[in-house]
Amino acid sequence: MITKRIIPCLDVKNGRVVKGVNFEGLNDVSDPVALAKHYSDIGADELVFYDITASAEGRKLFTDILCRVAETIFIPLTVGGGINTVDDFERVLKCGADKVSVNSGAIRNPNLIREAAKRYGNQCVVLSADVKRVNGQFRVFARGGRDDTGMEAIAWIRKGVENGAGEVVLNSIDTDGVKNGFDLEMLDAVCNAVNVPVIASGGAGCADHFTQLFQTLPKVDAGLAASIFHFGEVKIPDLKKQLSERGIPMRLL
């Protein structure tokens, strides 16, 4: 049986890891290089690194910090933020990333996913979707959750996978940082729409939320979280042990 993955997320702004609620009110947390090494050492399955203001500020991602993170860890690294061209994919992969996450760049240029997948392979291309309910519809947001694109999310995600995205990260803006649990309704809709790995992001507040996620939605491949790991509210080795004891396949150290 394929093991489920536990993935910490480093939201980086001005060279520091930050965390907020519903994508707002960002608080300083830690040095990204030290935190990345910590997660690699204690058994995280992968690491996600988002330069969360690169798209909104119209600049390129912090490559110096990214290179230091990649040199420090021994687990797969997914990187996103300010990815607008195939050359951006090239630059990030050369820094040591294993996968590149694209969000606003694909909204601006829908051909970006297809072009990147053709050059680097589907396994390198991750479609990250920031989604929020608007008038009863799942709506895609751009620029770090700032702009409502008006696009219906499930159709957009399905199109991204058809174009070559090999993985989907679903970020529920409605549950982000609230710690009341993952957005199971939204995740179920995405899992039923695509046949690639789906990573759940936004809403984890305790270990039981991961159990609920994997038991309720067996199609979900991974659970991603930030603040509960950063602040030690949930310790990854303990979480994975608990999940394994509850019959959820885990890679244990």
Protein backbone atom coordinates (compact mmCIF):
# COMPACT_ATOMS: atom_id res chain seq x y z
CA MET A 1 0.00 0.00 0.00
CA ILE A 2 1.25 3.48 -0.85
CA THR A 3 2.22 5.44 2.25
CA LYS A 4 0.55 8.74 3.01
CA ARG A 5 2.80 11.80 3.30
CA ILE A 6 3.12 14.42 6.02
CA ILE A 7 4.44 17.69 4.60
CA PRO A 8 5.42 20.83 6.52
CA CYS A 9 5.08 24.09 4.61
CA LEU A 10 7.46 27.02 4.91
CA ASP A 11 5.71 30.26 3.92
CA VAL A 12 8.63 32.65 3.42
CA LYS A 13 8.49 36.45 3.35
CA ASN A 14 11.57 38.70 3.36
CA GLY A 15 13.75 35.68 4.10
CA ARG A 16 11.79 34.54 7.18
CA VAL A 17 9.16 31.86 7.73
CA VAL A 18 5.79 33.48 8.54
CA LYS A 19 2.27 32.26 9.27
CA GLY A 20 -1.14 33.93 9.30
CA VAL A 21 -4.87 33.18 9.35
CA ASN A 22 -6.98 33.07 6.15
CA PHE A 23 -3.84 34.26 4.31
CA GLU A 24 -3.72 37.47 6.41
CA GLY A 25 -2.02 38.79 9.56
CA LEU A 26 1.43 37.29 9.01
CA ASN A 27 3.64 36.60 12.04
CA ASP A 28 7.37 35.88 12.05
CA VAL A 29 8.22 32.27 12.94
CA SER A 30 11.78 31.18 12.16
CA ASP A 31 14.80 30.95 9.89
CA PRO A 32 13.82 28.81 6.88
CA VAL A 33 17.13 26.96 6.60
CA ALA A 34 17.19 25.89 10.26
CA LEU A 35 13.52 24.92 10.19
CA ALA A 36 13.92 22.94 6.96
CA LYS A 37 16.81 20.95 8.44
CA HIS A 38 14.76 20.25 11.57
CA TYR A 39 11.89 18.81 9.53
CA SER A 40 14.20 16.74 7.35
CA ASP A 41 15.88 15.29 10.45
CA ILE A 42 12.68 14.33 12.31
CA GLY A 43 10.98 12.42 9.49
CA ALA A 44 8.89 14.78 7.38
CA ASP A 45 8.20 13.09 4.05
CA GLU A 46 8.61 16.19 1.92
CA LEU A 47 8.94 19.93 2.33
CA VAL A 48 7.09 22.75 0.58
CA PHE A 49 8.73 26.19 0.31
CA TYR A 50 6.52 29.09 -0.77
CA ASP A 51 7.83 32.60 -1.34
CA ILE A 52 4.39 33.94 -0.53
CA THR A 53 4.77 37.53 -1.72
CA ALA A 54 6.82 37.00 -4.89
CA SER A 55 3.77 37.00 -7.18
CA ALA A 56 2.06 39.93 -5.46
CA GLU A 57 5.27 41.96 -5.52
CA GLY A 58 6.04 41.00 -9.12
CA ARG A 59 9.54 39.70 -8.40
CA LYS A 60 11.50 36.48 -8.64
CA LEU A 61 11.74 33.95 -5.81
CA PHE A 62 14.53 34.11 -3.21
CA THR A 63 17.05 31.79 -4.85
CA ASP A 64 19.84 32.25 -2.27
CA ILE A 65 17.73 30.97 0.63
CA LEU A 66 16.29 28.23 -1.57
CA CYS A 67 19.78 26.94 -2.46
CA ARG A 68 20.73 26.81 1.23
CA VAL A 69 17.52 24.93 2.09
CA ALA A 70 18.05 22.41 -0.72
CA GLU A 71 21.63 21.77 0.39
CA THR A 72 20.50 21.16 3.98
CA ILE A 73 17.67 18.65 3.57
CA PHE A 74 17.45 15.05 2.37
CA ILE A 75 13.77 14.87 1.47
CA PRO A 76 11.91 15.98 -1.68
CA LEU A 77 11.47 19.75 -1.96
CA THR A 78 8.62 21.53 -3.73
CA VAL A 79 9.05 25.24 -4.38
CA GLY A 80 6.57 27.93 -5.42
CA GLY A 81 6.16 31.68 -5.60
CA GLY A 82 6.75 33.97 -8.56
CA ILE A 83 6.81 31.09 -11.07
CA ASN A 84 5.68 32.71 -14.32
CA THR A 85 7.79 31.16 -17.09
CA VAL A 86 9.52 27.92 -18.01
CA ASP A 87 12.79 29.73 -17.27
CA ASP A 88 11.56 30.16 -13.67
CA PHE A 89 11.11 26.38 -13.50
CA GLU A 90 14.68 25.97 -14.76
CA ARG A 91 16.08 28.40 -12.19
CA VAL A 92 14.30 26.79 -9.25
CA LEU A 93 15.18 23.24 -10.28
CA LYS A 94 18.83 24.28 -10.63
CA CYS A 95 18.67 25.55 -7.03
CA GLY A 96 17.87 22.01 -5.91
CA ALA A 97 14.08 21.79 -5.99
CA ASP A 98 12.55 18.44 -6.97
CA LYS A 99 9.17 19.87 -7.94
CA VAL A 100 7.90 23.33 -8.86
CA SER A 101 4.55 24.63 -7.71
CA VAL A 102 2.70 27.05 -9.95
CA ASN A 103 -0.39 29.07 -9.13
CA SER A 104 -0.78 32.69 -10.31
CA GLY A 105 1.65 32.12 -13.19
CA ALA A 106 -0.58 29.39 -14.62
CA ILE A 107 -3.65 31.59 -14.22
CA ARG A 108 -1.93 34.31 -16.27
CA ASN A 109 -0.55 31.84 -18.81
CA PRO A 110 -2.55 28.58 -18.97
CA ASN A 111 0.04 27.12 -21.37
CA LEU A 112 2.76 27.30 -18.70
CA ILE A 113 1.84 23.92 -17.19
CA ARG A 114 1.88 22.22 -20.57
CA GLU A 115 5.21 23.78 -21.55
CA ALA A 116 6.86 22.91 -18.23
CA ALA A 117 5.52 19.34 -18.20
CA LYS A 118 6.78 18.80 -21.73
CA ARG A 119 10.28 19.98 -20.80
CA TYR A 120 10.68 18.55 -17.30
CA GLY A 121 8.02 15.85 -16.99
CA ASN A 122 4.65 15.81 -15.25
CA GLN A 123 6.24 14.70 -11.96
CA CYS A 124 8.00 18.10 -11.69
CA VAL A 125 4.88 20.22 -12.12
CA VAL A 126 2.60 20.87 -9.14
CA LEU A 127 -0.60 22.87 -9.56
CA SER A 128 -1.26 24.81 -6.38
CA ALA A 129 -4.79 26.17 -6.16
CA ASP A 130 -5.94 28.75 -3.57
CA VAL A 131 -9.67 28.20 -3.37
CA LYS A 132 -12.47 29.94 -1.49
CA ARG A 133 -16.23 29.66 -1.48
CA VAL A 134 -17.95 32.60 -3.18
CA ASN A 135 -21.75 32.55 -3.45
CA GLY A 136 -21.79 28.77 -3.03
CA GLN A 137 -19.12 28.17 -5.70
CA PHE A 138 -15.52 27.02 -5.27
CA ARG A 139 -13.58 29.95 -6.74
CA VAL A 140 -9.87 30.18 -7.68
CA PHE A 141 -7.91 33.06 -6.17
CA ALA A 142 -4.59 34.47 -7.41
CA ARG A 143 -1.67 36.48 -5.95
CA GLY A 144 -1.51 34.65 -2.64
CA GLY A 145 -5.27 34.59 -2.10
CA ARG A 146 -5.72 38.30 -2.84
CA ASP A 147 -7.59 38.31 -6.15
CA ASP A 148 -10.79 36.47 -7.08
CA THR A 149 -10.23 35.22 -10.64
CA GLY A 150 -13.90 34.41 -11.15
CA MET A 151 -12.93 30.90 -12.30
CA GLU A 152 -14.69 27.82 -10.93
CA ALA A 153 -12.01 25.82 -9.11
CA ILE A 154 -12.82 22.20 -9.96
CA ALA A 155 -12.88 22.87 -13.72
CA TRP A 156 -9.63 24.86 -13.42
CA ILE A 157 -7.85 22.09 -11.51
CA ARG A 158 -9.09 19.44 -13.93
CA LYS A 159 -7.76 21.49 -16.84
CA GLY A 160 -4.38 21.91 -15.13
CA VAL A 161 -4.04 18.15 -14.72
CA GLU A 162 -5.07 17.58 -18.34
CA ASN A 163 -2.31 20.02 -19.34
CA GLY A 164 0.30 18.02 -17.45
CA ALA A 165 0.31 18.85 -13.73
CA GLY A 166 1.42 15.69 -11.94
CA GLU A 167 0.18 16.72 -8.50
CA VAL A 168 -2.35 19.12 -6.97
CA VAL A 169 -2.03 21.10 -3.75
CA LEU A 170 -5.44 22.32 -2.66
CA ASN A 171 -5.20 25.31 -0.33
CA SER A 172 -8.57 26.10 1.22
CA ILE A 173 -8.59 29.79 2.08
CA ASP A 174 -11.75 29.20 4.13
CA THR A 175 -9.94 26.90 6.57
CA ASP A 176 -6.37 28.26 6.34
CA GLY A 177 -4.89 28.84 9.79
CA VAL A 178 -8.26 28.37 11.51
CA LYS A 179 -7.30 24.94 12.92
CA ASN A 180 -10.78 23.42 12.77
CA GLY A 181 -9.79 20.66 10.36
CA PHE A 182 -9.16 20.19 6.65
CA ASP A 183 -11.79 21.24 4.10
CA LEU A 184 -13.13 17.75 3.43
CA GLU A 185 -15.96 18.87 1.13
CA MET A 186 -13.61 20.81 -1.13
CA LEU A 187 -10.99 18.05 -1.11
CA ASP A 188 -13.55 15.39 -1.99
CA ALA A 189 -14.65 17.39 -5.02
CA VAL A 190 -11.04 17.70 -6.23
CA CYS A 191 -10.20 14.03 -5.61
CA ASN A 192 -13.20 12.98 -7.65
CA ALA A 193 -12.19 15.28 -10.52
CA VAL A 194 -8.55 14.23 -11.06
CA ASN A 195 -6.42 11.08 -11.06
CA VAL A 196 -3.13 12.52 -9.77
CA PRO A 197 -1.96 12.86 -6.14
CA VAL A 198 -3.87 15.47 -4.14
CA ILE A 199 -2.29 17.24 -1.17
CA ALA A 200 -4.61 18.72 1.46
CA SER A 201 -3.62 22.14 2.79
CA GLY A 202 -5.31 24.50 5.21
CA GLY A 203 -7.06 23.85 8.49
CA ALA A 204 -5.08 21.27 10.47
CA GLY A 205 -5.24 22.02 14.19
CA CYS A 206 -4.40 18.70 15.83
CA ALA A 207 -3.27 15.16 15.07
CA ASP A 208 -6.84 13.89 14.89
CA HIS A 209 -7.50 16.14 11.90
CA PHE A 210 -4.98 14.11 9.88
CA THR A 211 -6.64 10.86 10.96
CA GLN A 212 -10.01 12.29 9.93
CA LEU A 213 -8.54 13.41 6.59
CA PHE A 214 -7.06 10.07 5.56
CA GLN A 215 -9.89 7.92 6.92
CA THR A 216 -12.63 10.06 5.36
CA LEU A 217 -10.87 10.65 2.03
CA PRO A 218 -8.60 7.69 1.21
CA LYS A 219 -7.84 9.28 -2.18
CA VAL A 220 -5.95 12.16 -0.52
CA ASP A 221 -2.22 11.42 -0.74
CA ALA A 222 -0.77 13.89 1.76
CA GLY A 223 -1.56 16.35 4.50
CA LEU A 224 0.26 19.67 4.55
CA ALA A 225 0.42 22.05 7.50
CA ALA A 226 2.49 24.93 8.83
CA SER A 227 1.82 26.56 12.19
CA ILE A 228 0.96 23.42 14.18
CA PHE A 229 4.35 21.99 13.20
CA HIS A 230 6.27 25.27 13.52
CA PHE A 231 5.02 25.92 17.06
CA GLY A 232 5.34 22.32 18.23
CA GLU A 233 1.60 21.82 18.74
CA VAL A 234 1.89 18.60 16.72
CA LYS A 235 5.21 16.77 16.49
CA ILE A 236 5.69 14.95 13.20
CA PRO A 237 7.20 11.72 14.65
CA ASP A 238 4.31 11.44 17.13
CA LEU A 239 1.76 12.21 14.42
CA LYS A 240 3.10 9.56 12.06
CA LYS A 241 3.22 6.97 14.83
CA GLN A 242 -0.39 7.72 15.76
CA LEU A 243 -1.54 7.51 12.14
CA SER A 244 0.30 4.22 11.65
CA GLU A 245 -1.34 2.78 14.78
CA ARG A 246 -4.72 3.72 13.31
CA GLY A 247 -4.05 1.74 10.14
CA ILE A 248 -2.92 4.59 7.91
CA PRO A 249 0.27 3.60 6.03
CA MET A 250 3.21 5.82 7.03
CA ARG A 251 6.95 5.93 6.42
CA LEU A 252 8.44 5.71 9.90
CA LEU A 253 12.05 6.41 10.89
